[in-house]
Protein backbone atom coordinates (compact mmCIF):
# COMPACT_ATOMS: atom_id res chain seq x y z
CA MET A 1 -17.35 10.36 -16.09
CA MET A 2 -15.88 6.93 -16.05
CA ALA A 3 -12.43 8.06 -17.27
CA GLU A 4 -12.20 10.38 -14.50
CA SER A 5 -13.07 7.74 -11.90
CA ASN A 6 -10.39 5.54 -13.33
CA PHE A 7 -7.93 8.47 -13.27
CA THR A 8 -8.63 9.19 -9.50
CA ASP A 9 -8.31 5.50 -8.67
CA CYS A 10 -4.88 5.38 -10.43
CA LEU A 11 -3.72 8.46 -8.72
CA ALA A 12 -4.67 7.19 -5.34
CA LYS A 13 -2.87 4.09 -5.86
CA ARG A 14 0.06 5.78 -7.10
CA ILE A 15 0.03 8.04 -4.08
CA GLY A 16 -0.33 5.10 -1.70
CA ARG A 17 2.70 3.26 -3.45
CA GLU A 18 4.67 6.52 -2.77
CA LEU A 19 3.78 6.70 0.73
CA ARG A 20 4.34 3.10 1.42
CA THR A 21 7.88 3.53 0.07
CA ALA A 22 8.66 6.68 2.01
CA ARG A 23 7.40 5.02 4.93
CA GLU A 24 9.60 1.89 4.50
CA ASP A 25 12.59 4.07 3.66
CA SER A 26 12.01 5.79 7.04
CA LYS A 27 12.16 2.47 8.76
CA LEU A 28 8.64 3.13 10.20
CA SER A 29 5.78 0.67 10.76
CA GLN A 30 2.36 1.61 9.72
CA ASP A 31 1.44 1.83 13.47
CA ALA A 32 4.34 4.24 14.46
CA LEU A 33 3.59 6.42 11.18
CA ALA A 34 -0.06 6.61 12.46
CA TYR A 35 0.84 7.41 15.83
CA LEU A 36 3.35 10.05 14.88
CA ALA A 37 0.85 11.46 12.37
CA GLY A 38 -2.07 11.64 15.02
CA VAL A 39 -4.34 9.20 12.81
CA SER A 40 -5.58 5.86 13.02
CA LEU A 41 -3.69 2.79 11.74
CA ARG A 42 -6.61 2.11 9.48
CA SER A 43 -6.23 5.62 7.75
CA VAL A 44 -2.63 4.78 7.02
CA GLN A 45 -3.67 1.16 5.62
CA ARG A 46 -6.36 2.89 3.43
CA LEU A 47 -3.78 5.51 2.01
CA GLU A 48 -1.11 2.99 1.33
CA GLY A 49 -3.65 0.56 -0.26
CA GLY A 50 -5.01 3.45 -2.70
CA GLN A 51 -8.21 3.62 -1.24
CA GLY A 52 -7.73 7.22 -0.27
CA ALA A 53 -8.52 9.36 2.80
CA ASN A 54 -9.66 12.80 3.69
CA LEU A 55 -7.19 15.60 2.92
CA SER A 56 -6.44 16.40 6.52
CA THR A 57 -5.20 12.76 7.03
CA PHE A 58 -3.16 12.98 3.99
CA LEU A 59 -1.46 15.96 4.88
CA LYS A 60 -0.73 14.81 8.23
CA VAL A 61 0.91 11.55 7.12
CA ARG A 62 2.77 13.54 4.48
CA ALA A 63 4.10 15.91 6.98
CA VAL A 64 5.85 13.20 9.05
CA LEU A 65 7.10 11.44 6.08
CA PHE A 66 8.38 14.52 3.82
CA GLY A 67 8.42 17.10 6.72
């Protein structure tokens, strides 16, 4: 069970880094991304920080960044 948790944590952090890079490449602030995705600023911060979020939030952010 511990290995699964470590894997999940690593995956969340990697996804967070990828989202942050895509946002920065798009010249968007976290606040602008949150607005465009229809989610809270805190949700974007949690995603980018590797703390995860629910699937709906992730998909909304992903749609703004990657179409």
